Amino acid sequence: MLAEFSLEGKKAFVTGAGRGIGKAIAVAFAEAGAEVTLVARTEEQLQASRDEIRDMGYAAHYQCADVMDRAQIKAAVAGAMEDMGDLDIIMNSAGAGVLKPIVFMGQKYPGWENAIPEYSSDWSSNVLDSDVEWMFNANCRSILYTAQEAGPVLLSKRAGTVISVISCYYDVAPPYHMAYCVSKAAAHMLTRCMATEFAHFGVTVNAIAPGNVDTELNEFALSNPEYAKYLEPIPLQRAAQPREIATAATFLASEAASFMTGETMVVDGGELSRGLGL
C-alpha cells in the first residue's frame, strides 16, 4: 500500500458510529491504522461497535452524545482527548431524514409507503417548522458543533482534516424531501466555508455525498420489492454498501487527499449524474 493512504498514528473522532455508515467508517479508519473514538446516542450500539474493532486488534473508545446538543459534543470531545490524547480527524457521519410535502393537498407521492419508519414521515400534513429545525440540527448544525468544539485542537497544531457525510440530495430535489435536501445543501456549503477558513491553519475540510446505501436504517425500504423501481435510475443499478462509503472517507482522511479541500466527493453509483430519473 502507498504510504500516503495509511492512517497510522492518527486519532479519529467519528460521530454516528454506532451503526451504518458511521460504524463502517470507524472500522475502516481503524484498519488503516487510526485510533478511533466512536460517538452516538445509543450506548449499546457503541459498545458493540467498539468491541468489534477491539476484537480485530485495534484501539477504540466511545463517548455517548447527541450531536444536536452542543454541550454533549463538548463533553464527548473532552472524553476523546482524555482517551486518545489528541485529535487528527473529525468525521461527521450522523444525520437524519424526514419526508413531508411542502403543501399537503391530500395526495401521496408514489412510493410513500417505503418511507423509513424511523424517520418522522407524516403524510397527512405540511412539513412543519419543527421538522425543518430538526433537519438543520441533525444534518448541518451538528457539523458546526463538532467543528467548533473539536476544531481548535486541529487548528492550534495546524494539521488535520474534517470530513462530513452529507448526501447527493444536496444537488437534486425529489418530491417531499425539501427539509432533507435543503439541510444537506447547507452542509455542503458549510463544508466549503470551513475549508476556506481552516486552510489558513493547514486543515482540510471535505464532504462525501452518498446516494442510496444498504444500511440497517434503509433495510425497511430496500427489502420492499416495490422499492426496486427507485433504484433503476441509478446507473450501477444498486445501493452502495457502507464499506464503499467508508473507503472513500479513508482516502479523504489520509495524506493521499492532502491537496483536496472544500470538495464534496459524490459516491452514488451515478445517481446524481442521472438526475434520479425524475
C-alpha atoms as a PDB file:
ATOM      1  CA  MET A   1       0.000   0.000   0.000  1.00  0.00           C
ATOM      2  CA  LEU A   2       1.212   3.517  -0.740  1.00  0.00           C
ATOM      3  CA  ALA A   3       2.310   5.200   2.476  1.00  0.00           C
ATOM      4  CA  GLU A   4       0.076   8.208   1.748  1.00  0.00           C
ATOM      5  CA  PHE A   5      -3.038   6.078   2.236  1.00  0.00           C
ATOM      6  CA  SER A   6      -2.125   4.990   5.760  1.00  0.00           C
ATOM      7  CA  LEU A   7      -3.762   6.476   8.863  1.00  0.00           C
ATOM      8  CA  GLU A   8      -1.126   5.012  11.146  1.00  0.00           C
ATOM      9  CA  GLY A   9      -0.833   7.028  14.366  1.00  0.00           C
ATOM     10  CA  LYS A  10      -3.870   9.218  13.625  1.00  0.00           C
ATOM     11  CA  LYS A  11      -6.605   9.876  16.185  1.00  0.00           C
ATOM     12  CA  ALA A  12     -10.155   9.982  14.805  1.00  0.00           C
ATOM     13  CA  PHE A  13     -13.407  11.295  16.295  1.00  0.00           C
ATOM     14  CA  VAL A  14     -16.299   9.625  14.436  1.00  0.00           C
ATOM     15  CA  THR A  15     -19.933  10.613  15.005  1.00  0.00           C
ATOM     16  CA  GLY A  16     -22.853   8.394  14.060  1.00  0.00           C
ATOM     17  CA  ALA A  17     -20.555   5.428  14.682  1.00  0.00           C
ATOM     18  CA  GLY A  18     -22.993   3.114  16.415  1.00  0.00           C
ATOM     19  CA  ARG A  19     -24.223   1.596  13.156  1.00  0.00           C
ATOM     20  CA  GLY A  20     -24.449   2.016   9.402  1.00  0.00           C
ATOM     21  CA  ILE A  21     -22.086   4.287   7.509  1.00  0.00           C
ATOM     22  CA  GLY A  22     -20.521   5.751  10.642  1.00  0.00           C
ATOM     23  CA  LYS A  23     -19.645   2.353  12.047  1.00  0.00           C
ATOM     24  CA  ALA A  24     -18.213   1.234   8.693  1.00  0.00           C
ATOM     25  CA  ILE A  25     -16.046   4.362   8.597  1.00  0.00           C
ATOM     26  CA  ALA A  26     -14.787   3.804  12.150  1.00  0.00           C
ATOM     27  CA  VAL A  27     -13.853   0.216  11.274  1.00  0.00           C
ATOM     28  CA  ALA A  28     -12.072   1.295   8.075  1.00  0.00           C
ATOM     29  CA  PHE A  29     -10.160   4.031   9.888  1.00  0.00           C
ATOM     30  CA  ALA A  30      -9.028   1.500  12.482  1.00  0.00           C
ATOM     31  CA  GLU A  31      -7.945  -0.955   9.796  1.00  0.00           C
ATOM     32  CA  ALA A  32      -5.933   1.840   8.175  1.00  0.00           C
ATOM     33  CA  GLY A  33      -4.079   2.412  11.461  1.00  0.00           C
ATOM     34  CA  ALA A  34      -6.058   5.089  13.304  1.00  0.00           C
ATOM     35  CA  GLU A  35      -7.125   5.026  16.933  1.00  0.00           C
ATOM     36  CA  VAL A  36     -10.829   5.852  16.977  1.00  0.00           C
ATOM     37  CA  THR A  37     -13.400   7.311  19.338  1.00  0.00           C
ATOM     38  CA  LEU A  38     -16.950   6.365  18.354  1.00  0.00           C
ATOM     39  CA  VAL A  39     -19.732   8.844  19.122  1.00  0.00           C
ATOM     40  CA  ALA A  40     -23.501   8.249  19.051  1.00  0.00           C
ATOM     41  CA  ARG A  41     -26.580   8.369  21.295  1.00  0.00           C
ATOM     42  CA  THR A  42     -27.101   4.646  21.899  1.00  0.00           C
ATOM     43  CA  GLU A  43     -24.581   3.137  24.293  1.00  0.00           C
ATOM     44  CA  GLU A  44     -25.401  -0.484  23.424  1.00  0.00           C
ATOM     45  CA  GLN A  45     -24.586   0.121  19.765  1.00  0.00           C
ATOM     46  CA  LEU A  46     -21.399   1.977  20.663  1.00  0.00           C
ATOM     47  CA  GLN A  47     -20.234  -0.799  22.958  1.00  0.00           C
ATOM     48  CA  ALA A  48     -20.846  -3.401  20.262  1.00  0.00           C
ATOM     49  CA  SER A  49     -19.001  -1.355  17.624  1.00  0.00           C
ATOM     50  CA  ARG A  50     -16.091  -0.634  19.949  1.00  0.00           C
ATOM     51  CA  ASP A  51     -15.785  -4.279  20.948  1.00  0.00           C
ATOM     52  CA  GLU A  52     -15.882  -5.388  17.311  1.00  0.00           C
ATOM     53  CA  ILE A  53     -12.983  -3.061  16.494  1.00  0.00           C
ATOM     54  CA  ARG A  54     -11.030  -4.133  19.553  1.00  0.00           C
ATOM     55  CA  ASP A  55     -11.586  -7.790  18.679  1.00  0.00           C
ATOM     56  CA  MET A  56      -9.910  -7.030  15.357  1.00  0.00           C
ATOM     57  CA  GLY A  57      -6.873  -5.886  17.305  1.00  0.00           C
ATOM     58  CA  TYR A  58      -7.296  -2.119  17.020  1.00  0.00           C
ATOM     59  CA  ALA A  59      -7.664   0.704  19.537  1.00  0.00           C
ATOM     60  CA  ALA A  60     -11.193   2.037  20.002  1.00  0.00           C
ATOM     61  CA  HIS A  61     -13.163   4.029  22.557  1.00  0.00           C
ATOM     62  CA  TYR A  62     -16.635   5.526  22.692  1.00  0.00           C
ATOM     63  CA  GLN A  63     -18.464   8.569  24.003  1.00  0.00           C
ATOM     64  CA  CYS A  64     -22.255   8.782  24.262  1.00  0.00           C
ATOM     65  CA  ALA A  65     -23.517  12.083  22.845  1.00  0.00           C
ATOM     66  CA  ASP A  66     -26.352  13.584  20.856  1.00  0.00           C
ATOM     67  CA  VAL A  67     -24.684  15.517  18.034  1.00  0.00           C
ATOM     68  CA  MET A  68     -27.558  18.015  18.090  1.00  0.00           C
ATOM     69  CA  ASP A  69     -26.578  19.084  21.619  1.00  0.00           C
ATOM     70  CA  ARG A  70     -23.501  21.308  21.749  1.00  0.00           C
ATOM     71  CA  ALA A  71     -22.858  20.603  25.436  1.00  0.00           C
ATOM     72  CA  GLN A  72     -22.841  16.864  24.799  1.00  0.00           C
ATOM     73  CA  ILE A  73     -20.452  17.257  21.864  1.00  0.00           C
ATOM     74  CA  LYS A  74     -18.148  19.366  24.031  1.00  0.00           C
ATOM     75  CA  ALA A  75     -18.122  16.635  26.677  1.00  0.00           C
ATOM     76  CA  ALA A  76     -17.519  13.942  24.046  1.00  0.00           C
ATOM     77  CA  VAL A  77     -14.542  15.852  22.635  1.00  0.00           C
ATOM     78  CA  ALA A  78     -13.096  16.194  26.140  1.00  0.00           C
ATOM     79  CA  GLY A  79     -13.579  12.463  26.685  1.00  0.00           C
ATOM     80  CA  ALA A  80     -11.918  11.638  23.377  1.00  0.00           C
ATOM     81  CA  MET A  81      -8.952  13.823  24.248  1.00  0.00           C
ATOM     82  CA  GLU A  82      -8.638  12.052  27.581  1.00  0.00           C
ATOM     83  CA  ASP A  83      -8.799   8.628  25.893  1.00  0.00           C
ATOM     84  CA  MET A  84      -6.552   9.337  22.890  1.00  0.00           C
ATOM     85  CA  GLY A  85      -4.516  12.385  23.895  1.00  0.00           C
ATOM     86  CA  ASP A  86      -5.010  14.132  20.559  1.00  0.00           C
ATOM     87  CA  LEU A  87      -7.270  14.544  17.529  1.00  0.00           C
ATOM     88  CA  ASP A  88      -6.339  14.466  13.854  1.00  0.00           C
ATOM     89  CA  ILE A  89      -9.589  13.533  12.083  1.00  0.00           C
ATOM     90  CA  ILE A  90     -13.084  14.889  12.758  1.00  0.00           C
ATOM     91  CA  MET A  91     -15.530  12.601  10.969  1.00  0.00           C
ATOM     92  CA  ASN A  92     -19.180  13.699  10.924  1.00  0.00           C
ATOM     93  CA  SER A  93     -21.279  10.666   9.992  1.00  0.00           C
ATOM     94  CA  ALA A  94     -24.500  11.320  11.903  1.00  0.00           C
ATOM     95  CA  GLY A  95     -27.646  12.507  10.148  1.00  0.00           C
ATOM     96  CA  ALA A  96     -31.397  12.085   9.796  1.00  0.00           C
ATOM     97  CA  GLY A  97     -34.211  12.493   7.302  1.00  0.00           C
ATOM     98  CA  VAL A  98     -37.855  13.450   7.015  1.00  0.00           C
ATOM     99  CA  LEU A  99     -40.304  13.107   4.117  1.00  0.00           C
ATOM    100  CA  LYS A 100     -43.250  15.502   4.088  1.00  0.00           C
ATOM    101  CA  PRO A 101     -44.932  17.687   1.465  1.00  0.00           C
ATOM    102  CA  ILE A 102     -44.309  21.428   1.453  1.00  0.00           C
ATOM    103  CA  VAL A 103     -48.041  21.896   0.921  1.00  0.00           C
ATOM    104  CA  PHE A 104     -50.345  18.978   1.702  1.00  0.00           C
ATOM    105  CA  MET A 105     -53.087  18.579  -0.895  1.00  0.00           C
ATOM    106  CA  GLY A 106     -54.437  15.177   0.087  1.00  0.00           C
ATOM    107  CA  GLN A 107     -52.241  13.322  -2.389  1.00  0.00           C
ATOM    108  CA  LYS A 108     -49.337  10.998  -1.672  1.00  0.00           C
ATOM    109  CA  TYR A 109     -46.346  10.643  -3.951  1.00  0.00           C
ATOM    110  CA  PRO A 110     -45.933   7.075  -5.314  1.00  0.00           C
ATOM    111  CA  GLY A 111     -43.501   5.236  -3.088  1.00  0.00           C
ATOM    112  CA  TRP A 112     -44.502   6.975   0.133  1.00  0.00           C
ATOM    113  CA  GLU A 113     -45.098   3.549   1.661  1.00  0.00           C
ATOM    114  CA  ASN A 114     -41.324   2.996   1.519  1.00  0.00           C
ATOM    115  CA  ALA A 115     -40.640   5.942   3.825  1.00  0.00           C
ATOM    116  CA  ILE A 116     -38.361   4.714   6.590  1.00  0.00           C
ATOM    117  CA  PRO A 117     -40.405   4.324   9.799  1.00  0.00           C
ATOM    118  CA  GLU A 118     -37.623   5.699  11.985  1.00  0.00           C
ATOM    119  CA  TYR A 119     -37.827   8.978  10.107  1.00  0.00           C
ATOM    120  CA  SER A 120     -40.605  11.345  11.073  1.00  0.00           C
ATOM    121  CA  SER A 121     -42.660  10.959   7.897  1.00  0.00           C
ATOM    122  CA  ASP A 122     -46.278  12.019   8.371  1.00  0.00           C
ATOM    123  CA  TRP A 123     -48.020  12.325   5.025  1.00  0.00           C
ATOM    124  CA  SER A 124     -51.151  13.961   6.447  1.00  0.00           C
ATOM    125  CA  SER A 125     -49.693  17.437   6.981  1.00  0.00           C
ATOM    126  CA  ASN A 126     -47.344  20.046   5.589  1.00  0.00           C
ATOM    127  CA  VAL A 127     -43.703  19.945   6.568  1.00  0.00           C
ATOM    128  CA  LEU A 128     -43.597  21.686   9.951  1.00  0.00           C
ATOM    129  CA  ASP A 129     -41.271  24.322  11.341  1.00  0.00           C
ATOM    130  CA  SER A 130     -40.144  21.708  13.851  1.00  0.00           C
ATOM    131  CA  ASP A 131     -39.283  19.292  11.013  1.00  0.00           C
ATOM    132  CA  VAL A 132     -37.095  21.879   9.302  1.00  0.00           C
ATOM    133  CA  GLU A 133     -35.436  22.775  12.598  1.00  0.00           C
ATOM    134  CA  TRP A 134     -34.760  19.109  13.320  1.00  0.00           C
ATOM    135  CA  MET A 135     -33.229  18.571   9.880  1.00  0.00           C
ATOM    136  CA  PHE A 136     -30.908  21.539  10.237  1.00  0.00           C
ATOM    137  CA  ASN A 137     -29.883  20.446  13.719  1.00  0.00           C
ATOM    138  CA  ALA A 138     -29.167  16.868  12.641  1.00  0.00           C
ATOM    139  CA  ASN A 139     -27.609  17.479   9.233  1.00  0.00           C
ATOM    140  CA  CYS A 140     -25.925  20.884   9.476  1.00  0.00           C
ATOM    141  CA  ARG A 141     -25.654  22.336  12.968  1.00  0.00           C
ATOM    142  CA  SER A 142     -24.209  19.055  14.254  1.00  0.00           C
ATOM    143  CA  ILE A 143     -21.300  19.506  11.835  1.00  0.00           C
ATOM    144  CA  LEU A 144     -20.807  23.069  13.009  1.00  0.00           C
ATOM    145  CA  TYR A 145     -20.863  21.958  16.653  1.00  0.00           C
ATOM    146  CA  THR A 146     -18.155  19.328  16.165  1.00  0.00           C
ATOM    147  CA  ALA A 147     -16.067  21.793  14.160  1.00  0.00           C
ATOM    148  CA  GLN A 148     -16.305  24.460  16.853  1.00  0.00           C
ATOM    149  CA  GLU A 149     -15.740  22.099  19.784  1.00  0.00           C
ATOM    150  CA  ALA A 150     -13.092  19.794  18.283  1.00  0.00           C
ATOM    151  CA  GLY A 151     -11.696  22.036  15.546  1.00  0.00           C
ATOM    152  CA  PRO A 152      -9.467  24.135  17.825  1.00  0.00           C
ATOM    153  CA  VAL A 153      -7.336  21.043  18.503  1.00  0.00           C
ATOM    154  CA  LEU A 154      -6.585  20.727  14.793  1.00  0.00           C
ATOM    155  CA  LEU A 155      -6.234  24.457  14.146  1.00  0.00           C
ATOM    156  CA  SER A 156      -3.862  25.005  17.053  1.00  0.00           C
ATOM    157  CA  LYS A 157      -1.418  22.393  15.761  1.00  0.00           C
ATOM    158  CA  ARG A 158      -2.022  23.446  12.131  1.00  0.00           C
ATOM    159  CA  ALA A 159      -2.769  19.917  10.941  1.00  0.00           C
ATOM    160  CA  GLY A 160      -5.682  17.563  10.472  1.00  0.00           C
ATOM    161  CA  THR A 161      -8.864  17.109   8.497  1.00  0.00           C
ATOM    162  CA  VAL A 162     -12.641  17.476   8.872  1.00  0.00           C
ATOM    163  CA  ILE A 163     -14.918  15.219   6.811  1.00  0.00           C
ATOM    164  CA  SER A 164     -18.711  15.113   6.728  1.00  0.00           C
ATOM    165  CA  VAL A 165     -21.134  12.610   5.248  1.00  0.00           C
ATOM    166  CA  ILE A 166     -23.876  14.608   3.551  1.00  0.00           C
ATOM    167  CA  SER A 167     -25.951  13.251   0.620  1.00  0.00           C
ATOM    168  CA  CYS A 168     -26.160  13.514  -3.150  1.00  0.00           C
ATOM    169  CA  TYR A 169     -29.554  15.086  -2.436  1.00  0.00           C
ATOM    170  CA  TYR A 170     -27.709  18.339  -1.756  1.00  0.00           C
ATOM    171  CA  ASP A 171     -27.962  18.891  -5.508  1.00  0.00           C
ATOM    172  CA  VAL A 172     -31.246  17.236  -6.536  1.00  0.00           C
ATOM    173  CA  ALA A 173     -34.816  17.820  -5.414  1.00  0.00           C
ATOM    174  CA  PRO A 174     -37.043  14.731  -5.310  1.00  0.00           C
ATOM    175  CA  PRO A 175     -40.609  15.417  -4.170  1.00  0.00           C
ATOM    176  CA  TYR A 176     -41.307  15.632  -0.435  1.00  0.00           C
ATOM    177  CA  HIS A 177     -37.613  15.805   0.513  1.00  0.00           C
ATOM    178  CA  MET A 178     -37.440  19.585   0.912  1.00  0.00           C
ATOM    179  CA  ALA A 179     -36.295  19.725   4.552  1.00  0.00           C
ATOM    180  CA  TYR A 180     -33.749  16.971   3.961  1.00  0.00           C
ATOM    181  CA  CYS A 181     -32.373  18.389   0.711  1.00  0.00           C
ATOM    182  CA  VAL A 182     -32.083  21.946   1.991  1.00  0.00           C
ATOM    183  CA  SER A 183     -30.286  20.843   5.169  1.00  0.00           C
ATOM    184  CA  LYS A 184     -27.846  18.760   3.099  1.00  0.00           C
ATOM    185  CA  ALA A 185     -27.252  21.683   0.744  1.00  0.00           C
ATOM    186  CA  ALA A 186     -26.472  23.804   3.797  1.00  0.00           C
ATOM    187  CA  ALA A 187     -23.995  21.154   4.971  1.00  0.00           C
ATOM    188  CA  HIS A 188     -22.369  21.223   1.521  1.00  0.00           C
ATOM    189  CA  MET A 189     -21.892  24.998   1.734  1.00  0.00           C
ATOM    190  CA  LEU A 190     -20.756  24.775   5.357  1.00  0.00           C
ATOM    191  CA  THR A 191     -18.037  22.402   4.161  1.00  0.00           C
ATOM    192  CA  ARG A 192     -16.823  24.949   1.624  1.00  0.00           C
ATOM    193  CA  CYS A 193     -16.955  27.824   4.119  1.00  0.00           C
ATOM    194  CA  MET A 194     -14.972  25.888   6.718  1.00  0.00           C
ATOM    195  CA  ALA A 195     -12.463  24.844   4.067  1.00  0.00           C
ATOM    196  CA  THR A 196     -11.621  28.429   3.104  1.00  0.00           C
ATOM    197  CA  GLU A 197     -11.146  29.455   6.737  1.00  0.00           C
ATOM    198  CA  PHE A 198      -9.381  26.336   8.013  1.00  0.00           C
ATOM    199  CA  ALA A 199      -6.937  26.325   5.088  1.00  0.00           C
ATOM    200  CA  HIS A 200      -5.049  29.164   6.776  1.00  0.00           C
ATOM    201  CA  PHE A 201      -4.239  26.684   9.545  1.00  0.00           C
ATOM    202  CA  GLY A 202      -3.281  23.784   7.281  1.00  0.00           C
ATOM    203  CA  VAL A 203      -6.522  21.880   7.984  1.00  0.00           C
ATOM    204  CA  THR A 204      -8.533  20.398   5.112  1.00  0.00           C
ATOM    205  CA  VAL A 205     -12.338  20.119   5.055  1.00  0.00           C
ATOM    206  CA  ASN A 206     -14.259  17.882   2.663  1.00  0.00           C
ATOM    207  CA  ALA A 207     -17.550  16.013   2.394  1.00  0.00           C
ATOM    208  CA  ILE A 208     -18.842  12.750   0.969  1.00  0.00           C
ATOM    209  CA  ALA A 209     -22.227  12.648  -0.775  1.00  0.00           C
ATOM    210  CA  PRO A 210     -23.629   9.103  -0.896  1.00  0.00           C
ATOM    211  CA  GLY A 211     -26.778   8.069  -2.697  1.00  0.00           C
ATOM    212  CA  ASN A 212     -28.769   5.035  -1.587  1.00  0.00           C
ATOM    213  CA  VAL A 213     -26.796   2.971   0.927  1.00  0.00           C
ATOM    214  CA  ASP A 214     -27.674  -0.507   2.202  1.00  0.00           C
ATOM    215  CA  THR A 215     -27.703   0.176   5.944  1.00  0.00           C
ATOM    216  CA  GLU A 216     -29.844  -1.017   8.834  1.00  0.00           C
ATOM    217  CA  LEU A 217     -31.776   2.235   8.606  1.00  0.00           C
ATOM    218  CA  ASN A 218     -32.642   1.688   4.952  1.00  0.00           C
ATOM    219  CA  GLU A 219     -33.366  -2.027   5.276  1.00  0.00           C
ATOM    220  CA  PHE A 220     -37.103  -1.385   5.517  1.00  0.00           C
ATOM    221  CA  ALA A 221     -37.193   0.295   2.117  1.00  0.00           C
ATOM    222  CA  LEU A 222     -34.576  -1.800   0.340  1.00  0.00           C
ATOM    223  CA  SER A 223     -36.294  -5.060   1.358  1.00  0.00           C
ATOM    224  CA  ASN A 224     -39.575  -3.883  -0.181  1.00  0.00           C
ATOM    225  CA  PRO A 225     -39.888  -5.231  -3.784  1.00  0.00           C
ATOM    226  CA  GLU A 226     -41.712  -2.041  -4.730  1.00  0.00           C
ATOM    227  CA  TYR A 227     -38.593  -0.036  -3.913  1.00  0.00           C
ATOM    228  CA  ALA A 228     -36.618  -1.690  -6.707  1.00  0.00           C
ATOM    229  CA  LYS A 229     -38.037   0.754  -9.252  1.00  0.00           C
ATOM    230  CA  TYR A 230     -36.424   3.623  -7.336  1.00  0.00           C
ATOM    231  CA  LEU A 231     -33.018   2.008  -7.778  1.00  0.00           C
ATOM    232  CA  GLU A 232     -33.482   1.535 -11.533  1.00  0.00           C
ATOM    233  CA  PRO A 233     -32.439   5.106 -12.462  1.00  0.00           C
ATOM    234  CA  ILE A 234     -29.085   4.561 -10.707  1.00  0.00           C
ATOM    235  CA  PRO A 235     -26.618   3.682 -13.483  1.00  0.00           C
ATOM    236  CA  LEU A 236     -24.976   0.970 -11.363  1.00  0.00           C
ATOM    237  CA  GLN A 237     -28.458  -0.425 -10.584  1.00  0.00           C
ATOM    238  CA  ARG A 238     -27.954  -0.943  -6.843  1.00  0.00           C
ATOM    239  CA  ALA A 239     -27.463   0.688  -3.496  1.00  0.00           C
ATOM    240  CA  ALA A 240     -23.963   1.161  -2.098  1.00  0.00           C
ATOM    241  CA  GLN A 241     -22.536  -0.932   0.695  1.00  0.00           C
ATOM    242  CA  PRO A 242     -21.413   1.041   3.776  1.00  0.00           C
ATOM    243  CA  ARG A 243     -17.858  -0.145   3.158  1.00  0.00           C
ATOM    244  CA  GLU A 244     -17.862   1.667  -0.185  1.00  0.00           C
ATOM    245  CA  ILE A 245     -18.557   4.947   1.586  1.00  0.00           C
ATOM    246  CA  ALA A 246     -16.029   4.107   4.300  1.00  0.00           C
ATOM    247  CA  THR A 247     -13.179   3.594   1.840  1.00  0.00           C
ATOM    248  CA  ALA A 248     -13.885   6.993   0.297  1.00  0.00           C
ATOM    249  CA  ALA A 249     -13.778   8.538   3.768  1.00  0.00           C
ATOM    250  CA  THR A 250     -10.486   6.783   4.488  1.00  0.00           C
ATOM    251  CA  PHE A 251      -8.992   8.303   1.351  1.00  0.00           C
ATOM    252  CA  LEU A 252     -10.126  11.795   2.372  1.00  0.00           C
ATOM    253  CA  ALA A 253      -8.698  11.274   5.868  1.00  0.00           C
ATOM    254  CA  SER A 254      -5.307  10.249   4.513  1.00  0.00           C
ATOM    255  CA  GLU A 255      -2.348  12.181   3.185  1.00  0.00           C
ATOM    256  CA  ALA A 256      -3.346  10.992  -0.291  1.00  0.00           C
ATOM    257  CA  ALA A 257      -6.002  13.741  -0.189  1.00  0.00           C
ATOM    258  CA  SER A 258      -3.723  16.403   1.289  1.00  0.00           C
ATOM    259  CA  PHE A 259      -4.350  18.870  -1.570  1.00  0.00           C
ATOM    260  CA  MET A 260      -8.128  18.435  -1.561  1.00  0.00           C
ATOM    261  CA  THR A 261     -10.239  20.861   0.414  1.00  0.00           C
ATOM    262  CA  GLY A 262     -13.696  22.371   0.035  1.00  0.00           C
ATOM    263  CA  GLU A 263     -14.778  19.413  -2.101  1.00  0.00           C
ATOM    264  CA  THR A 264     -17.825  17.167  -1.955  1.00  0.00           C
ATOM    265  CA  MET A 265     -16.958  13.696  -3.223  1.00  0.00           C
ATOM    266  CA  VAL A 266     -20.058  12.091  -4.726  1.00  0.00           C
ATOM    267  CA  VAL A 267     -20.236   8.306  -4.185  1.00  0.00           C
ATOM    268  CA  ASP A 268     -23.645   7.399  -5.552  1.00  0.00           C
ATOM    269  CA  GLY A 269     -23.363   4.905  -8.389  1.00  0.00           C
ATOM    270  CA  GLY A 270     -24.063   7.687 -10.888  1.00  0.00           C
ATOM    271  CA  GLU A 271     -27.351   8.735  -9.234  1.00  0.00           C
ATOM    272  CA  LEU A 272     -26.591  12.455  -9.269  1.00  0.00           C
ATOM    273  CA  SER A 273     -25.385  12.394 -12.862  1.00  0.00           C
ATOM    274  CA  ARG A 274     -28.567  10.635 -13.933  1.00  0.00           C
ATOM    275  CA  GLY A 275     -30.740  13.102 -12.018  1.00  0.00           C
ATOM    276  CA  LEU A 276     -32.630  10.350 -10.160  1.00  0.00           C
ATOM    277  CA  GLY A 277     -34.601   9.661 -13.314  1.00  0.00           C
ATOM    278  CA  LEU A 278     -37.175  12.266 -12.272  1.00  0.00           C
END
